[in-house]
Amino acid sequence: DIALRQLVGRLGREGEAQMMEATGGVNTHRGAIWALGLLISAAA
């Protein structure tokens, strides 16, 4: 539902910020966060 979609989006964006901090600002896995994030949520 929309509530879960918005929660998944927020968690994904927070994860992207953590990723960028870990990599010194280099985009390593932005696309993977989207794909794997959705599939993880879907499996759960």
All heavy atoms as atom14 arrays in JSON, in Angstrom:
{
  "sequence": "DIALRQLVGRLGREGEAQMMEATGGVNTHRGAIWALGLLISAAA",
  "atom14_mask": [
    [1, 1, 1, 1, 1, 1, 1, 1, 0, 0, 0, 0, 0, 0],
    [1, 1, 1, 1, 1, 1, 1, 1, 0, 0, 0, 0, 0, 0],
    [1, 1, 1, 1, 1, 0, 0, 0, 0, 0, 0, 0, 0, 0],
    [1, 1, 1, 1, 1, 1, 1, 1, 0, 0, 0, 0, 0, 0],
    [1, 1, 1, 1, 1, 1, 1, 1, 1, 1, 1, 0, 0, 0],
    [1, 1, 1, 1, 1, 1, 1, 1, 1, 0, 0, 0, 0, 0],
    [1, 1, 1, 1, 1, 1, 1, 1, 0, 0, 0, 0, 0, 0],
    [1, 1, 1, 1, 1, 1, 1, 0, 0, 0, 0, 0, 0, 0],
    [1, 1, 1, 1, 0, 0, 0, 0, 0, 0, 0, 0, 0, 0],
    [1, 1, 1, 1, 1, 1, 1, 1, 1, 1, 1, 0, 0, 0],
    [1, 1, 1, 1, 1, 1, 1, 1, 0, 0, 0, 0, 0, 0],
    [1, 1, 1, 1, 0, 0, 0, 0, 0, 0, 0, 0, 0, 0],
    [1, 1, 1, 1, 1, 1, 1, 1, 1, 1, 1, 0, 0, 0],
    [1, 1, 1, 1, 1, 1, 1, 1, 1, 0, 0, 0, 0, 0],
    [1, 1, 1, 1, 0, 0, 0, 0, 0, 0, 0, 0, 0, 0],
    [1, 1, 1, 1, 1, 1, 1, 1, 1, 0, 0, 0, 0, 0],
    [1, 1, 1, 1, 1, 0, 0, 0, 0, 0, 0, 0, 0, 0],
    [1, 1, 1, 1, 1, 1, 1, 1, 1, 0, 0, 0, 0, 0],
    [1, 1, 1, 1, 1, 1, 1, 1, 0, 0, 0, 0, 0, 0],
    [1, 1, 1, 1, 1, 1, 1, 1, 0, 0, 0, 0, 0, 0],
    [1, 1, 1, 1, 1, 1, 1, 1, 1, 0, 0, 0, 0, 0],
    [1, 1, 1, 1, 1, 0, 0, 0, 0, 0, 0, 0, 0, 0],
    [1, 1, 1, 1, 1, 1, 1, 0, 0, 0, 0, 0, 0, 0],
    [1, 1, 1, 1, 0, 0, 0, 0, 0, 0, 0, 0, 0, 0],
    [1, 1, 1, 1, 0, 0, 0, 0, 0, 0, 0, 0, 0, 0],
    [1, 1, 1, 1, 1, 1, 1, 0, 0, 0, 0, 0, 0, 0],
    [1, 1, 1, 1, 1, 1, 1, 1, 0, 0, 0, 0, 0, 0],
    [1, 1, 1, 1, 1, 1, 1, 0, 0, 0, 0, 0, 0, 0],
    [1, 1, 1, 1, 1, 1, 1, 1, 1, 1, 0, 0, 0, 0],
    [1, 1, 1, 1, 1, 1, 1, 1, 1, 1, 1, 0, 0, 0],
    [1, 1, 1, 1, 0, 0, 0, 0, 0, 0, 0, 0, 0, 0],
    [1, 1, 1, 1, 1, 0, 0, 0, 0, 0, 0, 0, 0, 0],
    [1, 1, 1, 1, 1, 1, 1, 1, 0, 0, 0, 0, 0, 0],
    [1, 1, 1, 1, 1, 1, 1, 1, 1, 1, 1, 1, 1, 1],
    [1, 1, 1, 1, 1, 0, 0, 0, 0, 0, 0, 0, 0, 0],
    [1, 1, 1, 1, 1, 1, 1, 1, 0, 0, 0, 0, 0, 0],
    [1, 1, 1, 1, 0, 0, 0, 0, 0, 0, 0, 0, 0, 0],
    [1, 1, 1, 1, 1, 1, 1, 1, 0, 0, 0, 0, 0, 0],
    [1, 1, 1, 1, 1, 1, 1, 1, 0, 0, 0, 0, 0, 0],
    [1, 1, 1, 1, 1, 1, 1, 1, 0, 0, 0, 0, 0, 0],
    [1, 1, 1, 1, 1, 1, 0, 0, 0, 0, 0, 0, 0, 0],
    [1, 1, 1, 1, 1, 0, 0, 0, 0, 0, 0, 0, 0, 0],
    [1, 1, 1, 1, 1, 0, 0, 0, 0, 0, 0, 0, 0, 0],
    [1, 1, 1, 1, 1, 0, 0, 0, 0, 0, 0, 0, 0, 0]
  ],
  "atom14_positions": [
    [[0.84, -1.18, 0.0], [0.0, 0.0, 0.0], [0.89, 1.25, 0.0], [2.12, 1.15, 0.06], [-0.97, 0.0, 1.19], [-0.26, -0.14, 2.54], [0.95, 0.18, 2.62], [-0.9, -0.57, 3.51], [0.0, 0.0, 0.0], [0.0, 0.0, 0.0], [0.0, 0.0, 0.0], [0.0, 0.0, 0.0], [0.0, 0.0, 0.0], [0.0, 0.0, 0.0]],
    [[0.26, 2.4, -0.08], [1.03, 3.64, -0.19], [1.88, 3.87, 1.05], [3.01, 4.36, 0.97], [0.08, 4.83, -0.45], [-0.51, 4.71, -1.86], [0.81, 6.16, -0.3], [-1.49, 5.81, -2.23], [0.0, 0.0, 0.0], [0.0, 0.0, 0.0], [0.0, 0.0, 0.0], [0.0, 0.0, 0.0], [0.0, 0.0, 0.0], [0.0, 0.0, 0.0]],
    [[1.36, 3.5, 2.22], [2.14, 3.68, 3.45], [3.45, 2.91, 3.39], [4.51, 3.44, 3.74], [1.31, 3.25, 4.66], [0.0, 0.0, 0.0], [0.0, 0.0, 0.0], [0.0, 0.0, 0.0], [0.0, 0.0, 0.0], [0.0, 0.0, 0.0], [0.0, 0.0, 0.0], [0.0, 0.0, 0.0], [0.0, 0.0, 0.0], [0.0, 0.0, 0.0]],
    [[3.39, 1.65, 2.93], [4.61, 0.86, 2.83], [5.5, 1.41, 1.72], [6.73, 1.49, 1.89], [4.28, -0.61, 2.56], [5.49, -1.54, 2.42], [6.35, -1.51, 3.69], [5.05, -2.97, 2.11], [0.0, 0.0, 0.0], [0.0, 0.0, 0.0], [0.0, 0.0, 0.0], [0.0, 0.0, 0.0], [0.0, 0.0, 0.0], [0.0, 0.0, 0.0]],
    [[4.9, 1.82, 0.61], [5.72, 2.38, -0.49], [6.5, 3.59, -0.03], [7.69, 3.74, -0.34], [4.8, 2.75, -1.67], [5.51, 3.52, -2.78], [6.54, 2.66, -3.49], [7.28, 3.42, -4.47], [8.43, 4.06, -4.24], [8.98, 4.03, -3.03], [9.05, 4.71, -5.2], [0.0, 0.0, 0.0], [0.0, 0.0, 0.0], [0.0, 0.0, 0.0]],
    [[5.86, 4.46, 0.73], [6.55, 5.66, 1.2], [7.6, 5.33, 2.25], [8.67, 5.96, 2.28], [5.54, 6.67, 1.73], [4.63, 7.21, 0.62], [3.67, 8.28, 1.1], [3.41, 8.39, 2.29], [3.13, 9.03, 0.16], [0.0, 0.0, 0.0], [0.0, 0.0, 0.0], [0.0, 0.0, 0.0], [0.0, 0.0, 0.0], [0.0, 0.0, 0.0]],
    [[7.34, 4.32, 3.07], [8.33, 3.89, 4.05], [9.55, 3.29, 3.36], [10.7, 3.6, 3.71], [7.71, 2.87, 5.01], [8.65, 2.24, 6.04], [9.27, 3.31, 6.94], [7.9, 1.2, 6.87], [0.0, 0.0, 0.0], [0.0, 0.0, 0.0], [0.0, 0.0, 0.0], [0.0, 0.0, 0.0], [0.0, 0.0, 0.0], [0.0, 0.0, 0.0]],
    [[9.3, 2.45, 2.36], [10.4, 1.85, 1.6], [11.22, 2.94, 0.91], [12.46, 2.89, 0.9], [9.84, 0.84, 0.56], [10.89, 0.46, -0.46], [9.32, -0.39, 1.28], [0.0, 0.0, 0.0], [0.0, 0.0, 0.0], [0.0, 0.0, 0.0], [0.0, 0.0, 0.0], [0.0, 0.0, 0.0], [0.0, 0.0, 0.0], [0.0, 0.0, 0.0]],
    [[10.54, 3.93, 0.35], [11.25, 5.04, -0.28], [12.12, 5.8, 0.7], [13.28, 6.13, 0.39], [0.0, 0.0, 0.0], [0.0, 0.0, 0.0], [0.0, 0.0, 0.0], [0.0, 0.0, 0.0], [0.0, 0.0, 0.0], [0.0, 0.0, 0.0], [0.0, 0.0, 0.0], [0.0, 0.0, 0.0], [0.0, 0.0, 0.0], [0.0, 0.0, 0.0]],
    [[11.6, 6.08, 1.88], [12.38, 6.82, 2.88], [13.58, 6.01, 3.34], [14.7, 6.54, 3.44], [11.49, 7.16, 4.08], [12.25, 7.88, 5.21], [11.33, 8.31, 6.32], [10.67, 7.21, 6.99], [11.27, 6.44, 7.92], [12.54, 6.65, 8.25], [10.59, 5.47, 8.5], [0.0, 0.0, 0.0], [0.0, 0.0, 0.0], [0.0, 0.0, 0.0]],
    [[13.38, 4.72, 3.62], [14.5, 3.88, 4.05], [15.55, 3.78, 2.95], [16.76, 3.76, 3.24], [13.99, 2.49, 4.43], [13.13, 2.42, 5.71], [12.55, 1.02, 5.87], [13.96, 2.8, 6.94], [0.0, 0.0, 0.0], [0.0, 0.0, 0.0], [0.0, 0.0, 0.0], [0.0, 0.0, 0.0], [0.0, 0.0, 0.0], [0.0, 0.0, 0.0]],
    [[15.1, 3.7, 1.7], [16.04, 3.63, 0.59], [16.87, 4.9, 0.47], [18.09, 4.84, 0.23], [0.0, 0.0, 0.0], [0.0, 0.0, 0.0], [0.0, 0.0, 0.0], [0.0, 0.0, 0.0], [0.0, 0.0, 0.0], [0.0, 0.0, 0.0], [0.0, 0.0, 0.0], [0.0, 0.0, 0.0], [0.0, 0.0, 0.0], [0.0, 0.0, 0.0]],
    [[16.25, 6.05, 0.64], [16.98, 7.31, 0.56], [17.95, 7.46, 1.73], [19.06, 7.97, 1.56], [16.0, 8.49, 0.51], [15.26, 8.58, -0.82], [14.42, 9.84, -0.93], [13.27, 9.82, -0.03], [12.09, 9.27, -0.33], [11.93, 8.65, -1.5], [11.09, 9.33, 0.52], [0.0, 0.0, 0.0], [0.0, 0.0, 0.0], [0.0, 0.0, 0.0]],
    [[17.55, 7.0, 2.9], [18.46, 7.02, 4.04], [19.65, 6.09, 3.8], [20.79, 6.41, 4.14], [17.72, 6.62, 5.32], [16.7, 7.65, 5.78], [15.85, 7.16, 6.94], [16.01, 5.99, 7.34], [15.03, 7.96, 7.45], [0.0, 0.0, 0.0], [0.0, 0.0, 0.0], [0.0, 0.0, 0.0], [0.0, 0.0, 0.0], [0.0, 0.0, 0.0]],
    [[19.37, 4.95, 3.19], [20.45, 4.03, 2.85], [21.4, 4.61, 1.83], [22.61, 4.41, 1.89], [0.0, 0.0, 0.0], [0.0, 0.0, 0.0], [0.0, 0.0, 0.0], [0.0, 0.0, 0.0], [0.0, 0.0, 0.0], [0.0, 0.0, 0.0], [0.0, 0.0, 0.0], [0.0, 0.0, 0.0], [0.0, 0.0, 0.0], [0.0, 0.0, 0.0]],
    [[20.84, 5.34, 0.86], [21.69, 5.99, -0.14], [22.61, 7.01, 0.52], [23.8, 7.11, 0.15], [20.81, 6.68, -1.18], [21.59, 7.34, -2.3], [20.7, 7.99, -3.33], [19.65, 7.41, -3.66], [21.05, 9.09, -3.81], [0.0, 0.0, 0.0], [0.0, 0.0, 0.0], [0.0, 0.0, 0.0], [0.0, 0.0, 0.0], [0.0, 0.0, 0.0]],
    [[22.11, 7.76, 1.49], [22.95, 8.73, 2.2], [24.06, 8.02, 2.96], [25.22, 8.49, 2.99], [22.09, 9.55, 3.16], [0.0, 0.0, 0.0], [0.0, 0.0, 0.0], [0.0, 0.0, 0.0], [0.0, 0.0, 0.0], [0.0, 0.0, 0.0], [0.0, 0.0, 0.0], [0.0, 0.0, 0.0], [0.0, 0.0, 0.0], [0.0, 0.0, 0.0]],
    [[23.75, 6.88, 3.58], [24.77, 6.11, 4.29], [25.82, 5.58, 3.32], [27.02, 5.58, 3.62], [24.11, 4.96, 5.05], [23.23, 5.41, 6.2], [22.4, 4.28, 6.79], [22.41, 3.16, 6.28], [21.68, 4.57, 7.86], [0.0, 0.0, 0.0], [0.0, 0.0, 0.0], [0.0, 0.0, 0.0], [0.0, 0.0, 0.0], [0.0, 0.0, 0.0]],
    [[25.35, 5.14, 2.15], [26.27, 4.66, 1.12], [27.22, 5.76, 0.68], [28.43, 5.57, 0.59], [25.48, 4.13, -0.07], [26.33, 3.74, -1.27], [25.36, 3.68, -2.81], [25.16, 5.45, -3.15], [0.0, 0.0, 0.0], [0.0, 0.0, 0.0], [0.0, 0.0, 0.0], [0.0, 0.0, 0.0], [0.0, 0.0, 0.0], [0.0, 0.0, 0.0]],
    [[26.67, 6.94, 0.4], [27.49, 8.06, -0.08], [28.5, 8.49, 0.99], [29.63, 8.88, 0.67], [26.59, 9.23, -0.46], [25.65, 8.94, -1.62], [26.49, 8.63, -3.2], [26.68, 10.31, -3.79], [0.0, 0.0, 0.0], [0.0, 0.0, 0.0], [0.0, 0.0, 0.0], [0.0, 0.0, 0.0], [0.0, 0.0, 0.0], [0.0, 0.0, 0.0]],
    [[28.12, 8.4, 2.24], [29.06, 8.72, 3.32], [30.18, 7.7, 3.37], [31.35, 8.05, 3.54], [28.32, 8.75, 4.66], [29.22, 9.14, 5.83], [28.46, 9.24, 7.14], [27.21, 9.15, 7.13], [29.13, 9.39, 8.19], [0.0, 0.0, 0.0], [0.0, 0.0, 0.0], [0.0, 0.0, 0.0], [0.0, 0.0, 0.0], [0.0, 0.0, 0.0]],
    [[29.84, 6.42, 3.18], [30.84, 5.36, 3.24], [31.81, 5.42, 2.07], [32.97, 5.0, 2.19], [30.14, 4.0, 3.28], [0.0, 0.0, 0.0], [0.0, 0.0, 0.0], [0.0, 0.0, 0.0], [0.0, 0.0, 0.0], [0.0, 0.0, 0.0], [0.0, 0.0, 0.0], [0.0, 0.0, 0.0], [0.0, 0.0, 0.0], [0.0, 0.0, 0.0]],
    [[31.35, 5.94, 0.93], [32.18, 5.95, -0.28], [32.8, 7.31, -0.56], [33.42, 7.49, -1.61], [31.34, 5.53, -1.5], [30.28, 6.49, -1.69], [30.76, 4.13, -1.32], [0.0, 0.0, 0.0], [0.0, 0.0, 0.0], [0.0, 0.0, 0.0], [0.0, 0.0, 0.0], [0.0, 0.0, 0.0], [0.0, 0.0, 0.0], [0.0, 0.0, 0.0]],
    [[32.62, 8.25, 0.33], [33.17, 9.58, 0.09], [32.48, 10.33, -1.02], [33.1, 11.12, -1.73], [0.0, 0.0, 0.0], [0.0, 0.0, 0.0], [0.0, 0.0, 0.0], [0.0, 0.0, 0.0], [0.0, 0.0, 0.0], [0.0, 0.0, 0.0], [0.0, 0.0, 0.0], [0.0, 0.0, 0.0], [0.0, 0.0, 0.0], [0.0, 0.0, 0.0]],
    [[31.18, 10.07, -1.19], [30.4, 10.79, -2.19], [30.34, 10.13, -3.55], [29.79, 10.71, -4.5], [0.0, 0.0, 0.0], [0.0, 0.0, 0.0], [0.0, 0.0, 0.0], [0.0, 0.0, 0.0], [0.0, 0.0, 0.0], [0.0, 0.0, 0.0], [0.0, 0.0, 0.0], [0.0, 0.0, 0.0], [0.0, 0.0, 0.0], [0.0, 0.0, 0.0]],
    [[30.87, 8.93, -3.69], [30.84, 8.22, -4.98], [29.6, 7.35, -5.06], [29.31, 6.58, -4.13], [32.1, 7.35, -5.16], [32.05, 6.61, -6.49], [33.36, 8.19, -5.07], [0.0, 0.0, 0.0], [0.0, 0.0, 0.0], [0.0, 0.0, 0.0], [0.0, 0.0, 0.0], [0.0, 0.0, 0.0], [0.0, 0.0, 0.0], [0.0, 0.0, 0.0]],
    [[28.85, 7.46, -6.17], [27.66, 6.64, -6.36], [28.06, 5.24, -6.81], [28.43, 5.02, -7.96], [26.74, 7.28, -7.42], [25.59, 6.36, -7.79], [25.2, 5.49, -7.02], [25.04, 6.55, -8.97], [0.0, 0.0, 0.0], [0.0, 0.0, 0.0], [0.0, 0.0, 0.0], [0.0, 0.0, 0.0], [0.0, 0.0, 0.0], [0.0, 0.0, 0.0]],
    [[28.01, 4.32, -5.89], [28.38, 2.94, -6.18], [27.17, 2.05, -6.43], [27.18, 1.2, -7.32], [29.19, 2.35, -5.01], [28.55, 2.74, -3.78], [30.61, 2.89, -5.0], [0.0, 0.0, 0.0], [0.0, 0.0, 0.0], [0.0, 0.0, 0.0], [0.0, 0.0, 0.0], [0.0, 0.0, 0.0], [0.0, 0.0, 0.0], [0.0, 0.0, 0.0]],
    [[26.11, 2.22, -5.64], [25.0, 1.27, -5.66], [23.62, 1.91, -5.63], [22.67, 1.32, -5.13], [25.12, 0.31, -4.46], [26.16, -0.74, -4.62], [27.2, -0.92, -3.71], [26.36, -1.68, -5.58], [27.96, -1.92, -4.11], [27.47, -2.39, -5.24], [0.0, 0.0, 0.0], [0.0, 0.0, 0.0], [0.0, 0.0, 0.0], [0.0, 0.0, 0.0]],
    [[23.48, 3.12, -6.18], [22.16, 3.77, -6.13], [21.11, 2.92, -6.83], [20.01, 2.72, -6.32], [22.25, 5.15, -6.77], [20.92, 5.92, -6.71], [21.11, 7.32, -7.27], [21.93, 8.13, -6.4], [22.68, 9.16, -6.82], [22.74, 9.46, -8.11], [23.38, 9.87, -5.97], [0.0, 0.0, 0.0], [0.0, 0.0, 0.0], [0.0, 0.0, 0.0]],
    [[21.42, 2.42, -8.02], [20.46, 1.59, -8.74], [20.17, 0.29, -8.04], [19.04, -0.21, -8.05], [0.0, 0.0, 0.0], [0.0, 0.0, 0.0], [0.0, 0.0, 0.0], [0.0, 0.0, 0.0], [0.0, 0.0, 0.0], [0.0, 0.0, 0.0], [0.0, 0.0, 0.0], [0.0, 0.0, 0.0], [0.0, 0.0, 0.0], [0.0, 0.0, 0.0]],
    [[21.19, -0.27, -7.39], [21.01, -1.53, -6.68], [20.12, -1.36, -5.46], [19.38, -2.27, -5.09], [22.37, -2.09, -6.27], [0.0, 0.0, 0.0], [0.0, 0.0, 0.0], [0.0, 0.0, 0.0], [0.0, 0.0, 0.0], [0.0, 0.0, 0.0], [0.0, 0.0, 0.0], [0.0, 0.0, 0.0], [0.0, 0.0, 0.0], [0.0, 0.0, 0.0]],
    [[20.2, -0.2, -4.81], [19.33, 0.06, -3.66], [17.87, -0.03, -4.1], [17.03, -0.59, -3.4], [19.63, 1.43, -3.03], [21.04, 1.44, -2.42], [18.6, 1.77, -1.96], [21.48, 2.81, -1.95], [0.0, 0.0, 0.0], [0.0, 0.0, 0.0], [0.0, 0.0, 0.0], [0.0, 0.0, 0.0], [0.0, 0.0, 0.0], [0.0, 0.0, 0.0]],
    [[17.57, 0.54, -5.25], [16.2, 0.5, -5.78], [15.77, -0.93, -6.08], [14.73, -1.39, -5.59], [16.12, 1.36, -7.04], [14.91, 1.2, -7.89], [14.83, 0.58, -9.1], [13.57, 1.67, -7.61], [13.55, 0.64, -9.59], [12.75, 1.31, -8.7], [13.0, 2.38, -6.54], [11.39, 1.6, -8.76], [11.64, 2.68, -6.61], [10.86, 2.3, -7.7]],
    [[16.57, -1.65, -6.85], [16.17, -3.0, -7.27], [16.16, -3.98, -6.11], [15.15, -4.65, -5.85], [17.12, -3.49, -8.37], [0.0, 0.0, 0.0], [0.0, 0.0, 0.0], [0.0, 0.0, 0.0], [0.0, 0.0, 0.0], [0.0, 0.0, 0.0], [0.0, 0.0, 0.0], [0.0, 0.0, 0.0], [0.0, 0.0, 0.0], [0.0, 0.0, 0.0]],
    [[17.26, -4.07, -5.38], [17.33, -5.02, -4.28], [16.42, -4.61, -3.13], [15.84, -5.47, -2.46], [18.77, -5.19, -3.79], [19.58, -6.27, -4.5], [19.85, -5.88, -5.95], [20.89, -6.54, -3.79], [0.0, 0.0, 0.0], [0.0, 0.0, 0.0], [0.0, 0.0, 0.0], [0.0, 0.0, 0.0], [0.0, 0.0, 0.0], [0.0, 0.0, 0.0]],
    [[16.3, -3.3, -2.91], [15.41, -2.84, -1.84], [13.98, -3.28, -2.06], [13.3, -3.76, -1.14], [0.0, 0.0, 0.0], [0.0, 0.0, 0.0], [0.0, 0.0, 0.0], [0.0, 0.0, 0.0], [0.0, 0.0, 0.0], [0.0, 0.0, 0.0], [0.0, 0.0, 0.0], [0.0, 0.0, 0.0], [0.0, 0.0, 0.0], [0.0, 0.0, 0.0]],
    [[13.49, -3.11, -3.29], [12.13, -3.54, -3.61], [11.97, -5.05, -3.46], [10.97, -5.53, -2.91], [11.78, -3.13, -5.04], [11.43, -1.66, -5.26], [11.37, -1.36, -6.76], [10.1, -1.29, -4.59], [0.0, 0.0, 0.0], [0.0, 0.0, 0.0], [0.0, 0.0, 0.0], [0.0, 0.0, 0.0], [0.0, 0.0, 0.0], [0.0, 0.0, 0.0]],
    [[12.94, -5.81, -3.92], [12.84, -7.27, -3.87], [12.94, -7.79, -2.43], [12.27, -8.76, -2.07], [13.91, -7.9, -4.74], [13.69, -7.7, -6.25], [14.92, -8.12, -7.04], [12.47, -8.48, -6.73], [0.0, 0.0, 0.0], [0.0, 0.0, 0.0], [0.0, 0.0, 0.0], [0.0, 0.0, 0.0], [0.0, 0.0, 0.0], [0.0, 0.0, 0.0]],
    [[13.75, -7.14, -1.61], [13.83, -7.53, -0.2], [12.49, -7.28, 0.48], [11.97, -8.14, 1.2], [14.95, -6.74, 0.51], [16.32, -7.22, 0.05], [14.84, -6.85, 2.03], [17.45, -6.29, 0.43], [0.0, 0.0, 0.0], [0.0, 0.0, 0.0], [0.0, 0.0, 0.0], [0.0, 0.0, 0.0], [0.0, 0.0, 0.0], [0.0, 0.0, 0.0]],
    [[11.94, -6.1, 0.26], [10.63, -5.78, 0.83], [9.58, -6.77, 0.34], [8.74, -7.25, 1.11], [10.22, -4.36, 0.47], [11.07, -3.42, 1.09], [0.0, 0.0, 0.0], [0.0, 0.0, 0.0], [0.0, 0.0, 0.0], [0.0, 0.0, 0.0], [0.0, 0.0, 0.0], [0.0, 0.0, 0.0], [0.0, 0.0, 0.0], [0.0, 0.0, 0.0]],
    [[9.62, -7.08, -0.95], [8.64, -7.99, -1.54], [8.76, -9.39, -0.95], [7.74, -10.06, -0.71], [8.83, -8.03, -3.05], [0.0, 0.0, 0.0], [0.0, 0.0, 0.0], [0.0, 0.0, 0.0], [0.0, 0.0, 0.0], [0.0, 0.0, 0.0], [0.0, 0.0, 0.0], [0.0, 0.0, 0.0], [0.0, 0.0, 0.0], [0.0, 0.0, 0.0]],
    [[9.99, -9.85, -0.73], [10.19, -11.17, -0.12], [9.7, -11.18, 1.32], [9.12, -12.17, 1.79], [11.66, -11.55, -0.18], [0.0, 0.0, 0.0], [0.0, 0.0, 0.0], [0.0, 0.0, 0.0], [0.0, 0.0, 0.0], [0.0, 0.0, 0.0], [0.0, 0.0, 0.0], [0.0, 0.0, 0.0], [0.0, 0.0, 0.0], [0.0, 0.0, 0.0]],
    [[9.92, -10.07, 2.04], [9.48, -9.99, 3.43], [7.96, -9.9, 3.52], [7.36, -10.39, 4.48], [10.12, -8.78, 4.1], [0.0, 0.0, 0.0], [0.0, 0.0, 0.0], [0.0, 0.0, 0.0], [0.0, 0.0, 0.0], [0.0, 0.0, 0.0], [0.0, 0.0, 0.0], [0.0, 0.0, 0.0], [0.0, 0.0, 0.0], [0.0, 0.0, 0.0]]
  ]
}
